[in-house]
Amino acid sequence: MQTATIKNYNLDISREEIIKWVFGTFMGIFGAILVSLNFEYSKYGYVLFTISSFAWVYISISKKDNALLFMQLVFTVINIIGLYQWILV
């Protein structure tokens, strides 16, 4: 387990927690904000959604959570379709 020290406070932060919060949660939130604003950069929300989905796939595998894994695999496919439709074409 990795430990971060911030102003005399020891925080035990695992790799999974960092991936879950930074890449899973926050990327998903920022992706949703980008898409909801409906402006020229909204399409890049799908990049953040895809990163979020990959993070949640990793977490669900590490936690052996099959329901979360199935949902995130479906979301990953949907997000890749979004990437293709909005950015690559």
PDB file of N, CA and C in Angstrom:
ATOM      1  N   MET A   1       0.840  -1.172   0.000  1.00  0.00           N
ATOM      2  CA  MET A   1       0.000   0.000   0.000  1.00  0.00           C
ATOM      3  C   MET A   1       0.885   1.235   0.000  1.00  0.00           C
ATOM      4  N   GLN A   2       0.516   2.220  -0.836  1.00  0.00           N
ATOM      5  CA  GLN A   2       1.278   3.445  -0.930  1.00  0.00           C
ATOM      6  C   GLN A   2       0.762   4.438   0.098  1.00  0.00           C
ATOM      7  N   THR A   3       1.662   5.233   0.641  1.00  0.00           N
ATOM      8  CA  THR A   3       1.283   6.231   1.625  1.00  0.00           C
ATOM      9  C   THR A   3       1.705   7.602   1.125  1.00  0.00           C
ATOM     10  N   ALA A   4       0.783   8.550   1.176  1.00  0.00           N
ATOM     11  CA  ALA A   4       1.082   9.926   0.809  1.00  0.00           C
ATOM     12  C   ALA A   4       1.072  10.769   2.075  1.00  0.00           C
ATOM     13  N   THR A   5       2.025  11.673   2.191  1.00  0.00           N
ATOM     14  CA  THR A   5       2.077  12.554   3.348  1.00  0.00           C
ATOM     15  C   THR A   5       1.743  13.971   2.908  1.00  0.00           C
ATOM     16  N   ILE A   6       0.736  14.549   3.529  1.00  0.00           N
ATOM     17  CA  ILE A   6       0.326  15.917   3.229  1.00  0.00           C
ATOM     18  C   ILE A   6       0.260  16.682   4.552  1.00  0.00           C
ATOM     19  N   LYS A   7       1.158  17.629   4.733  1.00  0.00           N
ATOM     20  CA  LYS A   7       1.189  18.473   5.937  1.00  0.00           C
ATOM     21  C   LYS A   7       0.998  17.666   7.219  1.00  0.00           C
ATOM     22  N   ASN A   8       1.872  16.748   7.461  1.00  0.00           N
ATOM     23  CA  ASN A   8       1.882  15.922   8.662  1.00  0.00           C
ATOM     24  C   ASN A   8       0.719  14.939   8.774  1.00  0.00           C
ATOM     25  N   TYR A   9      -0.067  14.771   7.717  1.00  0.00           N
ATOM     26  CA  TYR A   9      -1.130  13.784   7.712  1.00  0.00           C
ATOM     27  C   TYR A   9      -0.710  12.635   6.821  1.00  0.00           C
ATOM     28  N   ASN A  10      -0.756  11.426   7.346  1.00  0.00           N
ATOM     29  CA  ASN A  10      -0.457  10.259   6.532  1.00  0.00           C
ATOM     30  C   ASN A  10      -1.752   9.723   5.946  1.00  0.00           C
ATOM     31  N   LEU A  11      -1.786   9.623   4.635  1.00  0.00           N
ATOM     32  CA  LEU A  11      -2.951   9.103   3.946  1.00  0.00           C
ATOM     33  C   LEU A  11      -2.582   7.787   3.282  1.00  0.00           C
ATOM     34  N   ASP A  12      -3.271   6.742   3.625  1.00  0.00           N
ATOM     35  CA  ASP A  12      -3.046   5.461   2.968  1.00  0.00           C
ATOM     36  C   ASP A  12      -3.924   5.399   1.730  1.00  0.00           C
ATOM     37  N   ILE A  13      -3.290   5.506   0.574  1.00  0.00           N
ATOM     38  CA  ILE A  13      -4.016   5.528  -0.690  1.00  0.00           C
ATOM     39  C   ILE A  13      -3.487   4.399  -1.568  1.00  0.00           C
ATOM     40  N   SER A  14      -4.352   3.481  -1.910  1.00  0.00           N
ATOM     41  CA  SER A  14      -3.936   2.365  -2.763  1.00  0.00           C
ATOM     42  C   SER A  14      -4.029   2.769  -4.226  1.00  0.00           C
ATOM     43  N   ARG A  15      -3.366   2.020  -5.060  1.00  0.00           N
ATOM     44  CA  ARG A  15      -3.417   2.238  -6.496  1.00  0.00           C
ATOM     45  C   ARG A  15      -4.858   2.150  -6.994  1.00  0.00           C
ATOM     46  N   GLU A  16      -5.599   1.174  -6.478  1.00  0.00           N
ATOM     47  CA  GLU A  16      -6.994   1.009  -6.887  1.00  0.00           C
ATOM     48  C   GLU A  16      -7.833   2.234  -6.546  1.00  0.00           C
ATOM     49  N   GLU A  17      -7.600   2.831  -5.382  1.00  0.00           N
ATOM     50  CA  GLU A  17      -8.354   4.023  -4.991  1.00  0.00           C
ATOM     51  C   GLU A  17      -8.051   5.198  -5.910  1.00  0.00           C
ATOM     52  N   ILE A  18      -6.784   5.362  -6.275  1.00  0.00           N
ATOM     53  CA  ILE A  18      -6.409   6.445  -7.187  1.00  0.00           C
ATOM     54  C   ILE A  18      -7.067   6.228  -8.548  1.00  0.00           C
ATOM     55  N   ILE A  19      -6.976   5.008  -9.058  1.00  0.00           N
ATOM     56  CA  ILE A  19      -7.596   4.700 -10.355  1.00  0.00           C
ATOM     57  C   ILE A  19      -9.102   4.913 -10.281  1.00  0.00           C
ATOM     58  N   LYS A  20      -9.718   4.427  -9.210  1.00  0.00           N
ATOM     59  CA  LYS A  20     -11.166   4.531  -9.064  1.00  0.00           C
ATOM     60  C   LYS A  20     -11.617   5.989  -9.026  1.00  0.00           C
ATOM     61  N   TRP A  21     -10.954   6.811  -8.225  1.00  0.00           N
ATOM     62  CA  TRP A  21     -11.397   8.190  -8.054  1.00  0.00           C
ATOM     63  C   TRP A  21     -10.958   9.103  -9.191  1.00  0.00           C
ATOM     64  N   VAL A  22      -9.686   9.052  -9.563  1.00  0.00           N
ATOM     65  CA  VAL A  22      -9.179   9.984 -10.576  1.00  0.00           C
ATOM     66  C   VAL A  22      -9.640   9.580 -11.973  1.00  0.00           C
ATOM     67  N   PHE A  23      -9.357   8.334 -12.339  1.00  0.00           N
ATOM     68  CA  PHE A  23      -9.640   7.918 -13.707  1.00  0.00           C
ATOM     69  C   PHE A  23     -11.059   7.391 -13.895  1.00  0.00           C
ATOM     70  N   GLY A  24     -11.642   6.807 -12.887  1.00  0.00           N
ATOM     71  CA  GLY A  24     -12.995   6.289 -13.003  1.00  0.00           C
ATOM     72  C   GLY A  24     -14.040   7.347 -12.758  1.00  0.00           C
ATOM     73  N   THR A  25     -14.032   7.916 -11.577  1.00  0.00           N
ATOM     74  CA  THR A  25     -15.081   8.851 -11.181  1.00  0.00           C
ATOM     75  C   THR A  25     -14.934  10.224 -11.826  1.00  0.00           C
ATOM     76  N   PHE A  26     -13.796  10.878 -11.620  1.00  0.00           N
ATOM     77  CA  PHE A  26     -13.657  12.251 -12.105  1.00  0.00           C
ATOM     78  C   PHE A  26     -13.653  12.344 -13.624  1.00  0.00           C
ATOM     79  N   MET A  27     -13.014  11.402 -14.311  1.00  0.00           N
ATOM     80  CA  MET A  27     -13.035  11.420 -15.781  1.00  0.00           C
ATOM     81  C   MET A  27     -14.465  11.240 -16.294  1.00  0.00           C
ATOM     82  N   GLY A  28     -15.232  10.373 -15.656  1.00  0.00           N
ATOM     83  CA  GLY A  28     -16.629  10.178 -16.039  1.00  0.00           C
ATOM     84  C   GLY A  28     -17.452  11.441 -15.828  1.00  0.00           C
ATOM     85  N   ILE A  29     -17.249  12.107 -14.702  1.00  0.00           N
ATOM     86  CA  ILE A  29     -17.975  13.346 -14.409  1.00  0.00           C
ATOM     87  C   ILE A  29     -17.605  14.439 -15.411  1.00  0.00           C
ATOM     88  N   PHE A  30     -16.313  14.623 -15.646  1.00  0.00           N
ATOM     89  CA  PHE A  30     -15.879  15.665 -16.582  1.00  0.00           C
ATOM     90  C   PHE A  30     -16.330  15.355 -18.004  1.00  0.00           C
ATOM     91  N   GLY A  31     -16.350  14.067 -18.362  1.00  0.00           N
ATOM     92  CA  GLY A  31     -16.863  13.676 -19.680  1.00  0.00           C
ATOM     93  C   GLY A  31     -18.334  14.023 -19.816  1.00  0.00           C
ATOM     94  N   ALA A  32     -19.104  13.755 -18.784  1.00  0.00           N
ATOM     95  CA  ALA A  32     -20.535  14.083 -18.807  1.00  0.00           C
ATOM     96  C   ALA A  32     -20.758  15.588 -18.896  1.00  0.00           C
ATOM     97  N   ILE A  33     -19.945  16.354 -18.189  1.00  0.00           N
ATOM     98  CA  ILE A  33     -20.062  17.817 -18.256  1.00  0.00           C
ATOM     99  C   ILE A  33     -19.772  18.307 -19.671  1.00  0.00           C
ATOM    100  N   LEU A  34     -18.702  17.795 -20.275  1.00  0.00           N
ATOM    101  CA  LEU A  34     -18.369  18.205 -21.639  1.00  0.00           C
ATOM    102  C   LEU A  34     -19.499  17.897 -22.613  1.00  0.00           C
ATOM    103  N   VAL A  35     -20.027  16.688 -22.546  1.00  0.00           N
ATOM    104  CA  VAL A  35     -21.096  16.301 -23.462  1.00  0.00           C
ATOM    105  C   VAL A  35     -22.342  17.149 -23.216  1.00  0.00           C
ATOM    106  N   SER A  36     -22.670  17.407 -21.966  1.00  0.00           N
ATOM    107  CA  SER A  36     -23.900  18.151 -21.651  1.00  0.00           C
ATOM    108  C   SER A  36     -23.831  19.616 -22.062  1.00  0.00           C
ATOM    109  N   LEU A  37     -22.639  20.186 -22.165  1.00  0.00           N
ATOM    110  CA  LEU A  37     -22.515  21.589 -22.546  1.00  0.00           C
ATOM    111  C   LEU A  37     -22.813  21.821 -24.026  1.00  0.00           C
ATOM    112  N   ASN A  38     -22.719  20.791 -24.826  1.00  0.00           N
ATOM    113  CA  ASN A  38     -23.085  20.840 -26.241  1.00  0.00           C
ATOM    114  C   ASN A  38     -22.412  22.005 -26.978  1.00  0.00           C
ATOM    115  N   PHE A  39     -21.093  22.013 -26.949  1.00  0.00           N
ATOM    116  CA  PHE A  39     -20.324  23.003 -27.689  1.00  0.00           C
ATOM    117  C   PHE A  39     -19.254  22.271 -28.485  1.00  0.00           C
ATOM    118  N   GLU A  40     -18.388  22.997 -29.159  1.00  0.00           N
ATOM    119  CA  GLU A  40     -17.473  22.369 -30.105  1.00  0.00           C
ATOM    120  C   GLU A  40     -16.553  21.309 -29.499  1.00  0.00           C
ATOM    121  N   TYR A  41     -16.273  21.372 -28.214  1.00  0.00           N
ATOM    122  CA  TYR A  41     -15.392  20.403 -27.579  1.00  0.00           C
ATOM    123  C   TYR A  41     -16.144  19.271 -26.873  1.00  0.00           C
ATOM    124  N   SER A  42     -17.450  19.254 -26.996  1.00  0.00           N
ATOM    125  CA  SER A  42     -18.258  18.227 -26.336  1.00  0.00           C
ATOM    126  C   SER A  42     -17.871  16.820 -26.768  1.00  0.00           C
ATOM    127  N   LYS A  43     -17.469  16.673 -28.021  1.00  0.00           N
ATOM    128  CA  LYS A  43     -17.116  15.349 -28.519  1.00  0.00           C
ATOM    129  C   LYS A  43     -15.964  14.725 -27.733  1.00  0.00           C
ATOM    130  N   TYR A  44     -15.122  15.541 -27.120  1.00  0.00           N
ATOM    131  CA  TYR A  44     -14.007  14.991 -26.355  1.00  0.00           C
ATOM    132  C   TYR A  44     -14.445  14.396 -25.025  1.00  0.00           C
ATOM    133  N   GLY A  45     -15.688  14.606 -24.673  1.00  0.00           N
ATOM    134  CA  GLY A  45     -16.243  13.928 -23.511  1.00  0.00           C
ATOM    135  C   GLY A  45     -16.183  12.415 -23.674  1.00  0.00           C
ATOM    136  N   TYR A  46     -16.295  11.938 -24.925  1.00  0.00           N
ATOM    137  CA  TYR A  46     -16.208  10.501 -25.163  1.00  0.00           C
ATOM    138  C   TYR A  46     -14.819   9.948 -24.868  1.00  0.00           C
ATOM    139  N   VAL A  47     -13.792  10.767 -25.038  1.00  0.00           N
ATOM    140  CA  VAL A  47     -12.434  10.339 -24.661  1.00  0.00           C
ATOM    141  C   VAL A  47     -12.390  10.107 -23.155  1.00  0.00           C
ATOM    142  N   LEU A  48     -12.945  11.049 -22.395  1.00  0.00           N
ATOM    143  CA  LEU A  48     -12.949  10.916 -20.934  1.00  0.00           C
ATOM    144  C   LEU A  48     -13.841   9.764 -20.494  1.00  0.00           C
ATOM    145  N   PHE A  49     -14.994   9.584 -21.146  1.00  0.00           N
ATOM    146  CA  PHE A  49     -15.861   8.435 -20.840  1.00  0.00           C
ATOM    147  C   PHE A  49     -15.124   7.122 -21.054  1.00  0.00           C
ATOM    148  N   THR A  50     -14.365   7.034 -22.139  1.00  0.00           N
ATOM    149  CA  THR A  50     -13.645   5.796 -22.453  1.00  0.00           C
ATOM    150  C   THR A  50     -12.561   5.522 -21.417  1.00  0.00           C
ATOM    151  N   ILE A  51     -11.836   6.548 -21.018  1.00  0.00           N
ATOM    152  CA  ILE A  51     -10.829   6.390 -19.964  1.00  0.00           C
ATOM    153  C   ILE A  51     -11.502   5.928 -18.678  1.00  0.00           C
ATOM    154  N   SER A  52     -12.629   6.538 -18.346  1.00  0.00           N
ATOM    155  CA  SER A  52     -13.373   6.159 -17.156  1.00  0.00           C
ATOM    156  C   SER A  52     -13.813   4.699 -17.230  1.00  0.00           C
ATOM    157  N   SER A  53     -14.324   4.293 -18.371  1.00  0.00           N
ATOM    158  CA  SER A  53     -14.772   2.904 -18.535  1.00  0.00           C
ATOM    159  C   SER A  53     -13.633   1.914 -18.357  1.00  0.00           C
ATOM    160  N   PHE A  54     -12.482   2.211 -18.949  1.00  0.00           N
ATOM    161  CA  PHE A  54     -11.324   1.316 -18.792  1.00  0.00           C
ATOM    162  C   PHE A  54     -10.902   1.225 -17.325  1.00  0.00           C
ATOM    163  N   ALA A  55     -10.946   2.368 -16.629  1.00  0.00           N
ATOM    164  CA  ALA A  55     -10.595   2.363 -15.206  1.00  0.00           C
ATOM    165  C   ALA A  55     -11.554   1.486 -14.413  1.00  0.00           C
ATOM    166  N   TRP A  56     -12.862   1.618 -14.689  1.00  0.00           N
ATOM    167  CA  TRP A  56     -13.845   0.821 -13.963  1.00  0.00           C
ATOM    168  C   TRP A  56     -13.767  -0.658 -14.331  1.00  0.00           C
ATOM    169  N   VAL A  57     -13.381  -0.962 -15.567  1.00  0.00           N
ATOM    170  CA  VAL A  57     -13.158  -2.375 -15.935  1.00  0.00           C
ATOM    171  C   VAL A  57     -12.022  -2.935 -15.080  1.00  0.00           C
ATOM    172  N   TYR A  58     -10.936  -2.178 -14.978  1.00  0.00           N
ATOM    173  CA  TYR A  58      -9.798  -2.617 -14.158  1.00  0.00           C
ATOM    174  C   TYR A  58     -10.223  -2.840 -12.706  1.00  0.00           C
ATOM    175  N   ILE A  59     -10.957  -1.886 -12.145  1.00  0.00           N
ATOM    176  CA  ILE A  59     -11.395  -1.992 -10.750  1.00  0.00           C
ATOM    177  C   ILE A  59     -12.324  -3.179 -10.565  1.00  0.00           C
ATOM    178  N   SER A  60     -13.261  -3.359 -11.478  1.00  0.00           N
ATOM    179  CA  SER A  60     -14.213  -4.472 -11.328  1.00  0.00           C
ATOM    180  C   SER A  60     -13.519  -5.819 -11.430  1.00  0.00           C
ATOM    181  N   ILE A  61     -12.490  -5.920 -12.255  1.00  0.00           N
ATOM    182  CA  ILE A  61     -11.716  -7.172 -12.335  1.00  0.00           C
ATOM    183  C   ILE A  61     -10.949  -7.386 -11.036  1.00  0.00           C
ATOM    184  N   SER A  62     -10.305  -6.325 -10.535  1.00  0.00           N
ATOM    185  CA  SER A  62      -9.512  -6.476  -9.310  1.00  0.00           C
ATOM    186  C   SER A  62     -10.389  -6.795  -8.097  1.00  0.00           C
ATOM    187  N   LYS A  63     -11.630  -6.302  -8.097  1.00  0.00           N
ATOM    188  CA  LYS A  63     -12.544  -6.572  -6.986  1.00  0.00           C
ATOM    189  C   LYS A  63     -13.433  -7.791  -7.226  1.00  0.00           C
ATOM    190  N   LYS A  64     -13.307  -8.391  -8.424  1.00  0.00           N
ATOM    191  CA  LYS A  64     -14.115  -9.558  -8.805  1.00  0.00           C
ATOM    192  C   LYS A  64     -15.611  -9.246  -8.734  1.00  0.00           C
ATOM    193  N   ASP A  65     -15.968  -8.070  -9.221  1.00  0.00           N
ATOM    194  CA  ASP A  65     -17.360  -7.624  -9.242  1.00  0.00           C
ATOM    195  C   ASP A  65     -17.896  -7.817 -10.664  1.00  0.00           C
ATOM    196  N   ASN A  66     -18.549  -8.945 -10.904  1.00  0.00           N
ATOM    197  CA  ASN A  66     -18.990  -9.292 -12.249  1.00  0.00           C
ATOM    198  C   ASN A  66     -20.079  -8.386 -12.789  1.00  0.00           C
ATOM    199  N   ALA A  67     -20.979  -7.922 -11.948  1.00  0.00           N
ATOM    200  CA  ALA A  67     -22.042  -7.027 -12.412  1.00  0.00           C
ATOM    201  C   ALA A  67     -21.450  -5.704 -12.902  1.00  0.00           C
ATOM    202  N   LEU A  68     -20.530  -5.140 -12.120  1.00  0.00           N
ATOM    203  CA  LEU A  68     -19.872  -3.899 -12.524  1.00  0.00           C
ATOM    204  C   LEU A  68     -19.045  -4.128 -13.786  1.00  0.00           C
ATOM    205  N   LEU A  69     -18.372  -5.251 -13.871  1.00  0.00           N
ATOM    206  CA  LEU A  69     -17.566  -5.574 -15.046  1.00  0.00           C
ATOM    207  C   LEU A  69     -18.440  -5.624 -16.294  1.00  0.00           C
ATOM    208  N   PHE A  70     -19.564  -6.333 -16.230  1.00  0.00           N
ATOM    209  CA  PHE A  70     -20.442  -6.439 -17.385  1.00  0.00           C
ATOM    210  C   PHE A  70     -20.941  -5.059 -17.821  1.00  0.00           C
ATOM    211  N   MET A  71     -21.396  -4.267 -16.861  1.00  0.00           N
ATOM    212  CA  MET A  71     -21.905  -2.938 -17.178  1.00  0.00           C
ATOM    213  C   MET A  71     -20.824  -2.075 -17.830  1.00  0.00           C
ATOM    214  N   GLN A  72     -19.617  -2.111 -17.286  1.00  0.00           N
ATOM    215  CA  GLN A  72     -18.546  -1.272 -17.811  1.00  0.00           C
ATOM    216  C   GLN A  72     -18.044  -1.758 -19.168  1.00  0.00           C
ATOM    217  N   LEU A  73     -18.104  -3.052 -19.412  1.00  0.00           N
ATOM    218  CA  LEU A  73     -17.739  -3.546 -20.742  1.00  0.00           C
ATOM    219  C   LEU A  73     -18.738  -3.047 -21.778  1.00  0.00           C
ATOM    220  N   VAL A  74     -20.029  -3.049 -21.431  1.00  0.00           N
ATOM    221  CA  VAL A  74     -21.049  -2.501 -22.330  1.00  0.00           C
ATOM    222  C   VAL A  74     -20.816  -1.006 -22.535  1.00  0.00           C
ATOM    223  N   PHE A  75     -20.571  -0.264 -21.451  1.00  0.00           N
ATOM    224  CA  PHE A  75     -20.301   1.165 -21.574  1.00  0.00           C
ATOM    225  C   PHE A  75     -19.045   1.424 -22.410  1.00  0.00           C
ATOM    226  N   THR A  76     -18.031   0.579 -22.273  1.00  0.00           N
ATOM    227  CA  THR A  76     -16.813   0.748 -23.056  1.00  0.00           C
ATOM    228  C   THR A  76     -17.119   0.635 -24.543  1.00  0.00           C
ATOM    229  N   VAL A  77     -17.913  -0.355 -24.920  1.00  0.00           N
ATOM    230  CA  VAL A  77     -18.298  -0.510 -26.325  1.00  0.00           C
ATOM    231  C   VAL A  77     -19.079   0.720 -26.796  1.00  0.00           C
ATOM    232  N   ILE A  78     -20.031   1.178 -25.995  1.00  0.00           N
ATOM    233  CA  ILE A  78     -20.816   2.370 -26.347  1.00  0.00           C
ATOM    234  C   ILE A  78     -19.908   3.587 -26.497  1.00  0.00           C
ATOM    235  N   ASN A  79     -18.954   3.743 -25.597  1.00  0.00           N
ATOM    236  CA  ASN A  79     -18.043   4.890 -25.661  1.00  0.00           C
ATOM    237  C   ASN A  79     -17.115   4.813 -26.861  1.00  0.00           C
ATOM    238  N   ILE A  80     -16.683   3.638 -27.220  1.00  0.00           N
ATOM    239  CA  ILE A  80     -15.848   3.487 -28.418  1.00  0.00           C
ATOM    240  C   ILE A  80     -16.660   3.829 -29.666  1.00  0.00           C
ATOM    241  N   ILE A  81     -17.936   3.443 -29.692  1.00  0.00           N
ATOM    242  CA  ILE A  81     -18.811   3.840 -30.802  1.00  0.00           C
ATOM    243  C   ILE A  81     -18.931   5.365 -30.835  1.00  0.00           C
ATOM    244  N   GLY A  82     -19.091   5.994 -29.674  1.00  0.00           N
ATOM    245  CA  GLY A  82     -19.147   7.456 -29.599  1.00  0.00           C
ATOM    246  C   GLY A  82     -17.867   8.095 -30.106  1.00  0.00           C
ATOM    247  N   LEU A  83     -16.717   7.545 -29.715  1.00  0.00           N
ATOM    248  CA  LEU A  83     -15.437   8.047 -30.221  1.00  0.00           C
ATOM    249  C   LEU A  83     -15.394   7.965 -31.738  1.00  0.00           C
ATOM    250  N   TYR A  84     -15.801   6.837 -32.262  1.00  0.00           N
ATOM    251  CA  TYR A  84     -15.776   6.631 -33.710  1.00  0.00           C
ATOM    252  C   TYR A  84     -16.712   7.628 -34.406  1.00  0.00           C
ATOM    253  N   GLN A  85     -17.943   7.748 -33.907  1.00  0.00           N
ATOM    254  CA  GLN A  85     -18.934   8.603 -34.546  1.00  0.00           C
ATOM    255  C   GLN A  85     -18.598  10.090 -34.458  1.00  0.00           C
ATOM    256  N   TRP A  86     -18.073  10.534 -33.328  1.00  0.00           N
ATOM    257  CA  TRP A  86     -17.904  11.963 -33.112  1.00  0.00           C
ATOM    258  C   TRP A  86     -16.495  12.487 -33.373  1.00  0.00           C
ATOM    259  N   ILE A  87     -15.490  11.612 -33.320  1.00  0.00           N
ATOM    260  CA  ILE A  87     -14.117  12.096 -33.465  1.00  0.00           C
ATOM    261  C   ILE A  87     -13.425  11.487 -34.687  1.00  0.00           C
ATOM    262  N   LEU A  88     -13.547  10.194 -34.874  1.00  0.00           N
ATOM    263  CA  LEU A  88     -12.767   9.530 -35.909  1.00  0.00           C
ATOM    264  C   LEU A  88     -13.372   9.616 -37.303  1.00  0.00           C
ATOM    265  N   VAL A  89     -14.671   9.916 -37.397  1.00  0.00           N
ATOM    266  CA  VAL A  89     -15.308   9.993 -38.720  1.00  0.00           C
ATOM    267  C   VAL A  89     -15.482  11.429 -39.134  1.00  0.00           C
TER     268      VAL A  89
END
